[in-house]
C-alpha atoms as a PDB file:
ATOM      1  CA  MET A   1     -79.095   9.125   8.646  1.00  0.00           C
ATOM      2  CA  PRO A   2     -76.979   5.949   8.662  1.00  0.00           C
ATOM      3  CA  ILE A   3     -75.102   4.884   5.529  1.00  0.00           C
ATOM      4  CA  ASN A   4     -76.117   1.866   3.480  1.00  0.00           C
ATOM      5  CA  PRO A   5     -74.914  -1.188   5.457  1.00  0.00           C
ATOM      6  CA  TYR A   6     -74.465  -3.219   2.248  1.00  0.00           C
ATOM      7  CA  PHE A   7     -71.671  -1.011   0.915  1.00  0.00           C
ATOM      8  CA  LYS A   8     -68.573  -0.932   3.089  1.00  0.00           C
ATOM      9  CA  ASP A   9     -64.797  -0.549   2.710  1.00  0.00           C
ATOM     10  CA  TYR A  10     -63.361  -4.056   2.679  1.00  0.00           C
ATOM     11  CA  SER A  11     -59.677  -4.762   3.187  1.00  0.00           C
ATOM     12  CA  GLY A  12     -59.677  -7.134   0.209  1.00  0.00           C
ATOM     13  CA  GLU A  13     -60.801  -4.383  -2.161  1.00  0.00           C
ATOM     14  CA  GLN A  14     -58.290  -1.999  -0.613  1.00  0.00           C
ATOM     15  CA  ASP A  15     -55.490  -4.499  -1.214  1.00  0.00           C
ATOM     16  CA  VAL A  16     -56.528  -4.907  -4.849  1.00  0.00           C
ATOM     17  CA  THR A  17     -56.548  -1.121  -5.365  1.00  0.00           C
ATOM     18  CA  GLU A  18     -53.115  -0.829  -3.742  1.00  0.00           C
ATOM     19  CA  ASP A  19     -51.681  -3.618  -5.910  1.00  0.00           C
ATOM     20  CA  LEU A  20     -53.118  -1.953  -9.033  1.00  0.00           C
ATOM     21  CA  THR A  21     -51.544   1.357  -7.991  1.00  0.00           C
ATOM     22  CA  ILE A  22     -48.159  -0.314  -7.611  1.00  0.00           C
ATOM     23  CA  GLU A  23     -48.533  -2.119 -10.962  1.00  0.00           C
ATOM     24  CA  ILE A  24     -49.428   1.085 -12.827  1.00  0.00           C
ATOM     25  CA  ILE A  25     -46.465   2.942 -11.332  1.00  0.00           C
ATOM     26  CA  LYS A  26     -44.122   0.071 -12.191  1.00  0.00           C
ATOM     27  CA  THR A  27     -45.492  -0.114 -15.735  1.00  0.00           C
ATOM     28  CA  MET A  28     -45.860   3.552 -16.645  1.00  0.00           C
ATOM     29  CA  GLY A  29     -43.365   5.119 -14.251  1.00  0.00           C
ATOM     30  CA  ARG A  30     -39.591   5.509 -14.186  1.00  0.00           C
ATOM     31  CA  GLU A  31     -36.893   4.211 -11.897  1.00  0.00           C
ATOM     32  CA  MET A  32     -35.669   7.009  -9.652  1.00  0.00           C
ATOM     33  CA  TYR A  33     -33.292   7.134  -6.711  1.00  0.00           C
ATOM     34  CA  TYR A  34     -34.384   8.346  -3.287  1.00  0.00           C
ATOM     35  CA  VAL A  35     -31.448  10.131  -1.605  1.00  0.00           C
ATOM     36  CA  PRO A  36     -31.944  10.884   2.115  1.00  0.00           C
ATOM     37  CA  ARG A  37     -30.404  13.994   3.650  1.00  0.00           C
ATOM     38  CA  ASN A  38     -28.076  13.783   6.659  1.00  0.00           C
ATOM     39  CA  MET A  39     -27.640  16.793   8.931  1.00  0.00           C
ATOM     40  CA  VAL A  40     -23.967  16.881   9.944  1.00  0.00           C
ATOM     41  CA  GLU A  41     -24.409  20.255  11.662  1.00  0.00           C
ATOM     42  CA  PHE A  42     -27.764  21.899  12.378  1.00  0.00           C
ATOM     43  CA  ASP A  43     -28.487  25.536  13.191  1.00  0.00           C
ATOM     44  CA  LYS A  44     -31.307  25.490  15.758  1.00  0.00           C
ATOM     45  CA  ILE A  45     -31.839  29.246  15.508  1.00  0.00           C
ATOM     46  CA  PHE A  46     -32.498  29.335  11.756  1.00  0.00           C
ATOM     47  CA  GLY A  47     -33.797  25.759  11.586  1.00  0.00           C
ATOM     48  CA  GLU A  48     -31.497  24.671   8.769  1.00  0.00           C
ATOM     49  CA  GLY A  49     -28.470  22.504   8.196  1.00  0.00           C
ATOM     50  CA  THR A  50     -25.167  24.363   8.066  1.00  0.00           C
ATOM     51  CA  GLN A  51     -23.390  21.213   6.908  1.00  0.00           C
ATOM     52  CA  VAL A  52     -25.309  18.579   4.945  1.00  0.00           C
ATOM     53  CA  SER A  53     -24.309  15.271   3.387  1.00  0.00           C
ATOM     54  CA  TYR A  54     -25.974  12.676   1.148  1.00  0.00           C
ATOM     55  CA  LYS A  55     -24.454   9.232   1.651  1.00  0.00           C
ATOM     56  CA  ASP A  56     -27.113   6.736   0.544  1.00  0.00           C
ATOM     57  CA  SER A  57     -29.426   6.150  -2.396  1.00  0.00           C
ATOM     58  CA  VAL A  58     -32.348   3.757  -2.837  1.00  0.00           C
ATOM     59  CA  PRO A  59     -33.753   2.835  -6.289  1.00  0.00           C
ATOM     60  CA  LEU A  60     -37.532   3.275  -6.325  1.00  0.00           C
ATOM     61  CA  GLU A  61     -40.083   3.470  -9.132  1.00  0.00           C
ATOM     62  CA  MET A  62     -42.122   6.674  -9.424  1.00  0.00           C
ATOM     63  CA  TYR A  63     -44.772   7.954 -11.823  1.00  0.00           C
ATOM     64  CA  ILE A  64     -44.161  11.338 -13.462  1.00  0.00           C
ATOM     65  CA  ASP A  65     -47.321  13.434 -13.195  1.00  0.00           C
ATOM     66  CA  SER A  66     -45.756  16.234 -15.260  1.00  0.00           C
ATOM     67  CA  VAL A  67     -46.365  14.470 -18.567  1.00  0.00           C
ATOM     68  CA  SER A  68     -46.014  17.658 -20.643  1.00  0.00           C
ATOM     69  CA  GLY A  69     -42.508  18.388 -19.329  1.00  0.00           C
ATOM     70  CA  PHE A  70     -40.939  20.161 -16.387  1.00  0.00           C
ATOM     71  CA  GLN A  71     -43.126  22.746 -14.682  1.00  0.00           C
ATOM     72  CA  GLY A  72     -42.120  25.881 -12.760  1.00  0.00           C
ATOM     73  CA  GLN A  73     -40.663  29.186 -13.945  1.00  0.00           C
ATOM     74  CA  GLY A  74     -38.081  27.591 -16.221  1.00  0.00           C
ATOM     75  CA  ASP A  75     -34.780  29.371 -16.844  1.00  0.00           C
ATOM     76  CA  ILE A  76     -34.725  33.002 -15.749  1.00  0.00           C
ATOM     77  CA  ALA A  77     -32.018  35.668 -15.666  1.00  0.00           C
ATOM     78  CA  SER A  78     -31.993  37.738 -12.495  1.00  0.00           C
ATOM     79  CA  LYS A  79     -29.645  40.064 -10.646  1.00  0.00           C
ATOM     80  CA  PHE A  80     -28.173  36.939  -9.039  1.00  0.00           C
ATOM     81  CA  GLY A  81     -27.305  35.301 -12.367  1.00  0.00           C
ATOM     82  CA  ILE A  82     -29.121  32.587 -14.303  1.00  0.00           C
ATOM     83  CA  GLU A  83     -31.528  30.550 -12.178  1.00  0.00           C
ATOM     84  CA  ILE A  84     -33.148  27.305 -13.285  1.00  0.00           C
ATOM     85  CA  LYS A  85     -36.538  26.831 -11.636  1.00  0.00           C
ATOM     86  CA  ASP A  86     -37.698  23.490 -13.053  1.00  0.00           C
ATOM     87  CA  ASN A  87     -40.348  21.633 -11.047  1.00  0.00           C
ATOM     88  CA  VAL A  88     -41.603  18.075 -11.349  1.00  0.00           C
ATOM     89  CA  PHE A  89     -44.488  16.203  -9.690  1.00  0.00           C
ATOM     90  CA  LEU A  90     -43.966  12.535  -8.819  1.00  0.00           C
ATOM     91  CA  THR A  91     -46.221   9.824  -7.428  1.00  0.00           C
ATOM     92  CA  LEU A  92     -44.937   6.793  -5.523  1.00  0.00           C
ATOM     93  CA  SER A  93     -46.559   3.957  -3.636  1.00  0.00           C
ATOM     94  CA  LYS A  94     -46.651   4.125   0.163  1.00  0.00           C
ATOM     95  CA  LYS A  95     -46.246   0.361   0.388  1.00  0.00           C
ATOM     96  CA  ARG A  96     -43.210   0.358  -1.892  1.00  0.00           C
ATOM     97  CA  PHE A  97     -41.673   3.225   0.073  1.00  0.00           C
ATOM     98  CA  VAL A  98     -41.942   1.180   3.261  1.00  0.00           C
ATOM     99  CA  GLN A  99     -40.480  -1.888   1.541  1.00  0.00           C
ATOM    100  CA  GLU A 100     -37.499  -0.146  -0.041  1.00  0.00           C
ATOM    101  CA  VAL A 101     -36.695   2.909   2.069  1.00  0.00           C
ATOM    102  CA  GLN A 102     -38.134   2.479   5.560  1.00  0.00           C
ATOM    103  CA  THR A 103     -36.789  -1.079   5.763  1.00  0.00           C
ATOM    104  CA  ARG A 104     -33.245   0.281   5.321  1.00  0.00           C
ATOM    105  CA  PHE A 105     -33.788   3.476   7.306  1.00  0.00           C
ATOM    106  CA  PRO A 106     -36.415   2.887  10.036  1.00  0.00           C
ATOM    107  CA  GLU A 107     -36.282   6.540  11.088  1.00  0.00           C
ATOM    108  CA  ILE A 108     -37.612   7.631   7.675  1.00  0.00           C
ATOM    109  CA  THR A 109     -41.324   6.874   7.914  1.00  0.00           C
ATOM    110  CA  ARG A 110     -42.338   8.913   4.841  1.00  0.00           C
ATOM    111  CA  PRO A 111     -40.669  10.955   2.078  1.00  0.00           C
ATOM    112  CA  ARG A 112     -39.122  13.994   3.727  1.00  0.00           C
ATOM    113  CA  GLU A 113     -38.887  17.564   2.538  1.00  0.00           C
ATOM    114  CA  GLY A 114     -35.223  18.294   1.889  1.00  0.00           C
ATOM    115  CA  ASP A 115     -34.389  14.787   0.677  1.00  0.00           C
ATOM    116  CA  LEU A 116     -33.399  14.388  -2.971  1.00  0.00           C
ATOM    117  CA  ILE A 117     -34.750  12.464  -5.949  1.00  0.00           C
ATOM    118  CA  TYR A 118     -32.326  11.572  -8.740  1.00  0.00           C
ATOM    119  CA  PHE A 119     -33.976  11.397 -12.177  1.00  0.00           C
ATOM    120  CA  PRO A 120     -31.705   9.249 -14.418  1.00  0.00           C
ATOM    121  CA  LEU A 121     -33.593  10.060 -17.639  1.00  0.00           C
ATOM    122  CA  SER A 122     -32.639  13.751 -17.519  1.00  0.00           C
ATOM    123  CA  LYS A 123     -29.637  13.204 -15.211  1.00  0.00           C
ATOM    124  CA  SER A 124     -31.167  15.742 -12.845  1.00  0.00           C
ATOM    125  CA  MET A 125     -31.294  15.959  -9.067  1.00  0.00           C
ATOM    126  CA  PHE A 126     -34.518  17.291  -7.534  1.00  0.00           C
ATOM    127  CA  GLU A 127     -35.170  18.395  -3.974  1.00  0.00           C
ATOM    128  CA  ILE A 128     -38.484  17.487  -2.331  1.00  0.00           C
ATOM    129  CA  ASN A 129     -40.337  20.685  -1.407  1.00  0.00           C
ATOM    130  CA  PHE A 130     -43.681  19.242  -0.335  1.00  0.00           C
ATOM    131  CA  VAL A 131     -45.226  15.810   0.263  1.00  0.00           C
ATOM    132  CA  GLU A 132     -48.972  15.378  -0.283  1.00  0.00           C
ATOM    133  CA  HIS A 133     -50.243  12.177   1.361  1.00  0.00           C
ATOM    134  CA  GLU A 134     -54.001  12.533   0.700  1.00  0.00           C
ATOM    135  CA  ASN A 135     -54.142  12.492  -3.081  1.00  0.00           C
ATOM    136  CA  PRO A 136     -56.129  10.543  -4.279  1.00  0.00           C
ATOM    137  CA  PHE A 137     -58.408  11.162  -1.304  1.00  0.00           C
ATOM    138  CA  TYR A 138     -59.241   7.946   0.602  1.00  0.00           C
ATOM    139  CA  GLN A 139     -60.227   5.601  -2.215  1.00  0.00           C
ATOM    140  CA  LEU A 140     -62.208   2.814  -0.535  1.00  0.00           C
ATOM    141  CA  GLY A 141     -61.246   4.367   2.799  1.00  0.00           C
ATOM    142  CA  LYS A 142     -57.445   4.097   2.438  1.00  0.00           C
ATOM    143  CA  LEU A 143     -54.467   6.100   1.180  1.00  0.00           C
ATOM    144  CA  TYR A 144     -52.125   4.350  -1.244  1.00  0.00           C
ATOM    145  CA  SER A 145     -49.614   6.871  -2.551  1.00  0.00           C
ATOM    146  CA  TYR A 146     -47.533  10.013  -1.977  1.00  0.00           C
ATOM    147  CA  ARG A 147     -47.417  12.921  -4.418  1.00  0.00           C
ATOM    148  CA  LEU A 148     -44.116  14.808  -4.314  1.00  0.00           C
ATOM    149  CA  THR A 149     -43.601  18.400  -5.403  1.00  0.00           C
ATOM    150  CA  CYS A 150     -39.917  18.708  -6.323  1.00  0.00           C
ATOM    151  CA  GLU A 151     -37.662  21.512  -7.536  1.00  0.00           C
ATOM    152  CA  LEU A 152     -34.334  21.220  -9.315  1.00  0.00           C
ATOM    153  CA  PHE A 153     -31.648  20.891  -6.658  1.00  0.00           C
ATOM    154  CA  THR A 154     -29.213  23.789  -6.257  1.00  0.00           C
ATOM    155  CA  TYR A 155     -25.837  22.437  -5.195  1.00  0.00           C
ATOM    156  CA  ASP A 156     -24.147  24.418  -2.390  1.00  0.00           C
ATOM    157  CA  GLN A 157     -20.987  22.531  -1.397  1.00  0.00           C
ATOM    158  CA  GLU A 158     -22.858  19.594   0.173  1.00  0.00           C
ATOM    159  CA  THR A 159     -21.045  16.266   0.455  1.00  0.00           C
ATOM    160  CA  VAL A 160     -22.519  13.783  -2.048  1.00  0.00           C
ATOM    161  CA  SER A 161     -21.088  10.286  -1.664  1.00  0.00           C
ATOM    162  CA  THR A 162     -23.824   7.696  -2.183  1.00  0.00           C
ATOM    163  CA  GLY A 163     -21.840   5.040  -4.011  1.00  0.00           C
ATOM    164  CA  THR A 164     -23.937   5.569  -7.162  1.00  0.00           C
ATOM    165  CA  THR A 165     -21.637   7.042  -9.817  1.00  0.00           C
ATOM    166  CA  ASP A 166     -24.161   9.268 -11.606  1.00  0.00           C
ATOM    167  CA  ILE A 167     -25.433  10.741  -8.344  1.00  0.00           C
ATOM    168  CA  ASP A 168     -21.974  11.356  -6.921  1.00  0.00           C
ATOM    169  CA  ALA A 169     -21.061  13.196 -10.121  1.00  0.00           C
ATOM    170  CA  THR A 170     -23.356  15.977  -8.873  1.00  0.00           C
ATOM    171  CA  GLN A 171     -20.638  17.041  -6.471  1.00  0.00           C
ATOM    172  CA  THR A 172     -17.804  17.091  -8.992  1.00  0.00           C
ATOM    173  CA  GLU A 173     -19.785  18.540 -11.908  1.00  0.00           C
ATOM    174  CA  ASN A 174     -21.652  21.310 -10.124  1.00  0.00           C
ATOM    175  CA  ARG A 175     -19.156  22.565  -7.587  1.00  0.00           C
ATOM    176  CA  GLN A 176     -18.487  26.269  -7.817  1.00  0.00           C
ATOM    177  CA  TYR A 177     -15.396  27.926  -9.134  1.00  0.00           C
ATOM    178  CA  THR A 178     -12.877  28.151  -6.314  1.00  0.00           C
ATOM    179  CA  HIS A 179      -9.647  29.957  -5.693  1.00  0.00           C
ATOM    180  CA  GLN A 180      -6.947  27.381  -4.998  1.00  0.00           C
ATOM    181  CA  TYR A 181      -4.099  28.450  -2.729  1.00  0.00           C
ATOM    182  CA  SER A 182      -0.847  26.726  -1.828  1.00  0.00           C
ATOM    183  CA  LEU A 183       0.181  26.159   1.776  1.00  0.00           C
ATOM    184  CA  SER A 184       3.660  25.844   3.221  1.00  0.00           C
ATOM    185  CA  SER A 185       4.829  22.818   5.189  1.00  0.00           C
ATOM    186  CA  ASP A 186       4.822  24.857   8.390  1.00  0.00           C
ATOM    187  CA  ILE A 187       1.350  23.918   9.570  1.00  0.00           C
ATOM    188  CA  THR A 188       0.115  23.969  13.131  1.00  0.00           C
ATOM    189  CA  GLY A 189      -1.675  20.795  14.161  1.00  0.00           C
ATOM    190  CA  ILE A 190      -2.302  19.561  10.628  1.00  0.00           C
ATOM    191  CA  THR A 191      -1.337  16.010  11.627  1.00  0.00           C
ATOM    192  CA  SER A 192      -4.268  15.725  14.019  1.00  0.00           C
ATOM    193  CA  HIS A 193      -6.976  17.347  11.898  1.00  0.00           C
ATOM    194  CA  THR A 194      -7.492  19.917   9.183  1.00  0.00           C
ATOM    195  CA  TYR A 195      -9.834  22.692   8.134  1.00  0.00           C
ATOM    196  CA  TYR A 196     -13.513  21.807   7.976  1.00  0.00           C
ATOM    197  CA  PRO A 197     -15.417  22.141   4.682  1.00  0.00           C
ATOM    198  CA  GLY A 198     -17.686  25.160   4.971  1.00  0.00           C
ATOM    199  CA  GLU A 199     -15.840  26.861   7.823  1.00  0.00           C
ATOM    200  CA  VAL A 200     -14.660  30.456   7.670  1.00  0.00           C
ATOM    201  CA  VAL A 201     -10.920  31.132   7.598  1.00  0.00           C
ATOM    202  CA  TYR A 202      -9.343  34.539   8.129  1.00  0.00           C
ATOM    203  CA  GLN A 203      -6.032  36.260   7.672  1.00  0.00           C
ATOM    204  CA  VAL A 204      -3.955  36.469  10.833  1.00  0.00           C
ATOM    205  CA  VAL A 205      -1.868  39.634  11.054  1.00  0.00           C
ATOM    206  CA  GLY A 206       1.745  38.609  10.646  1.00  0.00           C
ATOM    207  CA  PHE A 207       2.711  34.984  11.205  1.00  0.00           C
ATOM    208  CA  THR A 208       1.658  32.036  13.362  1.00  0.00           C
ATOM    209  CA  GLY A 209       1.194  32.897  17.007  1.00  0.00           C
ATOM    210  CA  GLN A 210      -0.169  36.413  16.501  1.00  0.00           C
ATOM    211  CA  ASN A 211      -3.787  35.400  16.985  1.00  0.00           C
ATOM    212  CA  ALA A 212      -5.717  38.290  15.524  1.00  0.00           C
ATOM    213  CA  ALA A 213      -9.443  38.183  16.076  1.00  0.00           C
ATOM    214  CA  LEU A 214     -11.793  37.541  13.181  1.00  0.00           C
ATOM    215  CA  GLN A 215     -13.123  41.096  13.316  1.00  0.00           C
ATOM    216  CA  ASP A 216      -9.579  42.433  12.897  1.00  0.00           C
ATOM    217  CA  ALA A 217      -8.816  40.354   9.792  1.00  0.00           C
ATOM    218  CA  THR A 218      -8.336  42.121   6.474  1.00  0.00           C
ATOM    219  CA  ALA A 219      -9.279  39.030   4.440  1.00  0.00           C
ATOM    220  CA  THR A 220     -11.757  36.199   5.018  1.00  0.00           C
ATOM    221  CA  ALA A 221     -13.024  33.242   2.988  1.00  0.00           C
ATOM    222  CA  THR A 222     -14.933  29.962   3.222  1.00  0.00           C
ATOM    223  CA  VAL A 223     -13.333  26.535   2.782  1.00  0.00           C
ATOM    224  CA  ALA A 224     -14.956  24.824  -0.203  1.00  0.00           C
ATOM    225  CA  LEU A 225     -13.504  21.322   0.227  1.00  0.00           C
ATOM    226  CA  THR A 226     -11.575  19.245   2.702  1.00  0.00           C
ATOM    227  CA  PRO A 227      -8.022  20.517   2.041  1.00  0.00           C
ATOM    228  CA  THR A 228      -5.530  18.134   0.459  1.00  0.00           C
ATOM    229  CA  PHE A 229      -2.092  19.312   1.521  1.00  0.00           C
ATOM    230  CA  PRO A 230      -0.459  21.440   0.208  1.00  0.00           C
ATOM    231  CA  TYR A 231      -3.574  22.979  -1.386  1.00  0.00           C
ATOM    232  CA  ILE A 232      -6.714  24.633  -0.063  1.00  0.00           C
ATOM    233  CA  ASP A 233      -9.783  25.691  -2.078  1.00  0.00           C
ATOM    234  CA  LEU A 234     -11.572  28.853  -0.963  1.00  0.00           C
ATOM    235  CA  ILE A 235     -14.795  30.581  -2.014  1.00  0.00           C
ATOM    236  CA  TYR A 236     -16.624  33.766  -0.927  1.00  0.00           C
ATOM    237  CA  ILE A 237     -13.341  35.648  -0.581  1.00  0.00           C
ATOM    238  CA  THR A 238     -13.296  39.192   0.772  1.00  0.00           C
ATOM    239  CA  GLY A 239     -10.051  41.141   0.963  1.00  0.00           C
ATOM    240  CA  THR A 240      -6.707  39.915  -0.385  1.00  0.00           C
ATOM    241  CA  PHE A 241      -4.572  36.989   0.743  1.00  0.00           C
ATOM    242  CA  GLU A 242      -0.837  37.311   0.168  1.00  0.00           C
ATOM    243  CA  SER A 243       2.119  34.948   0.294  1.00  0.00           C
ATOM    244  CA  GLY A 244       3.377  34.592   3.842  1.00  0.00           C
ATOM    245  CA  ASP A 245      -0.016  35.268   5.416  1.00  0.00           C
ATOM    246  CA  THR A 246      -1.211  32.932   8.111  1.00  0.00           C
ATOM    247  CA  ILE A 247      -4.828  31.837   7.806  1.00  0.00           C
ATOM    248  CA  LYS A 248      -6.770  30.481  10.770  1.00  0.00           C
ATOM    249  CA  GLY A 249      -9.968  28.443  10.845  1.00  0.00           C
ATOM    250  CA  VAL A 250     -12.755  29.814  13.028  1.00  0.00           C
ATOM    251  CA  ASP A 251     -14.032  26.354  13.990  1.00  0.00           C
ATOM    252  CA  SER A 252     -10.988  24.085  13.671  1.00  0.00           C
ATOM    253  CA  GLY A 253      -8.424  26.541  15.040  1.00  0.00           C
ATOM    254  CA  ILE A 254      -5.909  25.323  12.462  1.00  0.00           C
ATOM    255  CA  GLU A 255      -3.307  27.872  11.331  1.00  0.00           C
ATOM    256  CA  CYS A 256      -1.478  27.500   8.014  1.00  0.00           C
ATOM    257  CA  ILE A 257       1.000  29.721   6.181  1.00  0.00           C
ATOM    258  CA  MET A 258       0.253  30.550   2.556  1.00  0.00           C
ATOM    259  CA  ASN A 259       3.219  30.046   0.276  1.00  0.00           C
ATOM    260  CA  PHE A 260       3.069  31.407  -3.260  1.00  0.00           C
ATOM    261  CA  ASP A 261       6.716  30.519  -3.951  1.00  0.00           C
ATOM    262  CA  ASN A 262       6.307  26.772  -4.388  1.00  0.00           C
ATOM    263  CA  GLY A 263       4.852  26.860  -7.862  1.00  0.00           C
ATOM    264  CA  LEU A 264       1.223  27.835  -7.203  1.00  0.00           C
ATOM    265  CA  THR A 265      -0.215  31.266  -6.541  1.00  0.00           C
ATOM    266  CA  ASP A 266      -3.815  32.304  -6.150  1.00  0.00           C
ATOM    267  CA  THR A 267      -5.333  30.314  -9.030  1.00  0.00           C
ATOM    268  CA  LEU A 268      -8.947  30.294 -10.177  1.00  0.00           C
ATOM    269  CA  VAL A 269      -9.780  26.669 -10.957  1.00  0.00           C
ATOM    270  CA  MET A 270     -12.691  24.362 -11.590  1.00  0.00           C
ATOM    271  CA  THR A 271     -12.634  21.557  -9.061  1.00  0.00           C
ATOM    272  CA  ASN A 272     -13.779  19.087 -11.733  1.00  0.00           C
ATOM    273  CA  ASN A 273     -10.474  19.311 -13.647  1.00  0.00           C
ATOM    274  CA  GLU A 274     -11.599  22.502 -15.387  1.00  0.00           C
ATOM    275  CA  ASP A 275     -14.229  20.709 -17.459  1.00  0.00           C
ATOM    276  CA  LYS A 276     -16.449  23.708 -18.088  1.00  0.00           C
ATOM    277  CA  THR A 277     -18.817  21.788 -20.336  1.00  0.00           C
ATOM    278  CA  VAL A 278     -20.660  20.456 -17.281  1.00  0.00           C
ATOM    279  CA  ALA A 279     -20.812  23.768 -15.434  1.00  0.00           C
ATOM    280  CA  GLY A 280     -23.469  26.443 -15.566  1.00  0.00           C
ATOM    281  CA  ASP A 281     -23.105  29.827 -17.246  1.00  0.00           C
ATOM    282  CA  ASN A 282     -23.141  31.880 -14.050  1.00  0.00           C
ATOM    283  CA  ASP A 283     -19.383  32.228 -13.718  1.00  0.00           C
ATOM    284  CA  GLU A 284     -18.865  33.049 -17.400  1.00  0.00           C
ATOM    285  CA  ILE A 285     -21.553  35.740 -17.234  1.00  0.00           C
ATOM    286  CA  GLU A 286     -20.003  37.113 -14.050  1.00  0.00           C
ATOM    287  CA  ALA A 287     -16.552  37.201 -15.673  1.00  0.00           C
ATOM    288  CA  GLU A 288     -17.861  39.083 -18.715  1.00  0.00           C
ATOM    289  CA  SER A 289     -19.726  41.479 -16.435  1.00  0.00           C
ATOM    290  CA  ASP A 290     -16.530  42.186 -14.515  1.00  0.00           C
ATOM    291  CA  LYS A 291     -14.767  43.072 -17.780  1.00  0.00           C
ATOM    292  CA  LEU A 292     -17.490  45.529 -18.752  1.00  0.00           C
ATOM    293  CA  ASP A 293     -17.792  46.859 -15.198  1.00  0.00           C
ATOM    294  CA  VAL A 294     -21.564  47.145 -15.530  1.00  0.00           C
ATOM    295  CA  PHE A 295     -23.061  44.786 -12.974  1.00  0.00           C
ATOM    296  CA  ASN A 296     -21.683  43.438  -9.731  1.00  0.00           C
ATOM    297  CA  PHE A 297     -22.763  39.852  -9.058  1.00  0.00           C
ATOM    298  CA  THR A 298     -20.669  39.314  -5.921  1.00  0.00           C
ATOM    299  CA  GLU A 299     -22.188  38.215  -2.632  1.00  0.00           C
ATOM    300  CA  THR A 300     -21.044  41.377  -0.869  1.00  0.00           C
ATOM    301  CA  ASP A 301     -22.951  43.770  -3.170  1.00  0.00           C
ATOM    302  CA  PRO A 302     -25.465  41.889  -5.362  1.00  0.00           C
ATOM    303  CA  PHE A 303     -27.652  44.952  -6.039  1.00  0.00           C
ATOM    304  CA  SER A 304     -24.908  47.274  -7.248  1.00  0.00           C
ATOM    305  CA  GLU A 305     -24.683  48.518 -10.825  1.00  0.00           C
ATOM    306  CA  GLY A 306     -20.976  49.353 -10.498  1.00  0.00           C
ATOM    307  CA  ASN A 307     -19.861  52.448 -12.377  1.00  0.00           C
ATOM    308  CA  TYR A 308     -22.614  52.293 -14.951  1.00  0.00           C
END
């Protein structure tokens, strides 16, 4: 049976509805920042970025659907430490997204899972987990908005350099504790390039030139930051590095000699000038646990209960 020919979806009515949607979001919403993700290195086997950077931000108004507060599981204590599982649901106009984001980045045709949303009101960074593009469902035969399901972003040594001060502070305020080592001036090839952030380095047996394989190394670690000579920041350390050891990068091939005699030994530091007020409690809980020797929170044995 044919539909009533006197009631149809007119473009004029659709435009009015879209303009009203934009006006409501601008009036009742909040200014956010859309932060696109850049894949510096991509693992095709696991389908994930092994090295990720965030170098741009676009201000864009969004409506907060979660009017009663953040959703999700909240703050929970698990065998991996304290995890914050705050969720938020946001609505933004498709037309405004095209005007503000797609105009600057033509390759971004819609909000993408994995991109970030900075929420200035709570000074929080959220990662987009899912984008719903059919809610509300075809009012007057057209779609006007996106609904984003976002989860609090967990920083993992990504490069954040957008030019927006509050967003860039994410990198300095949430970076993990690192072990800072001192390097000697005897460095192979350091003038041409240096270790890569995120690459694995390992202890070479003896000194430079004795190229031990990675599987033969007695100590390995991951480079947390781009090294600033004569220092290097390492995380995920297994084994023990000693003064005089040569460390080699798996990807860069750079070899450097550790030197604990020039005023700096293996030092546990905060990379944000040791301002612990902006850091989480994970490291403090881990330190107390190590003293009591009850739980082992390390990456190598997260399920152990130690000697308890």
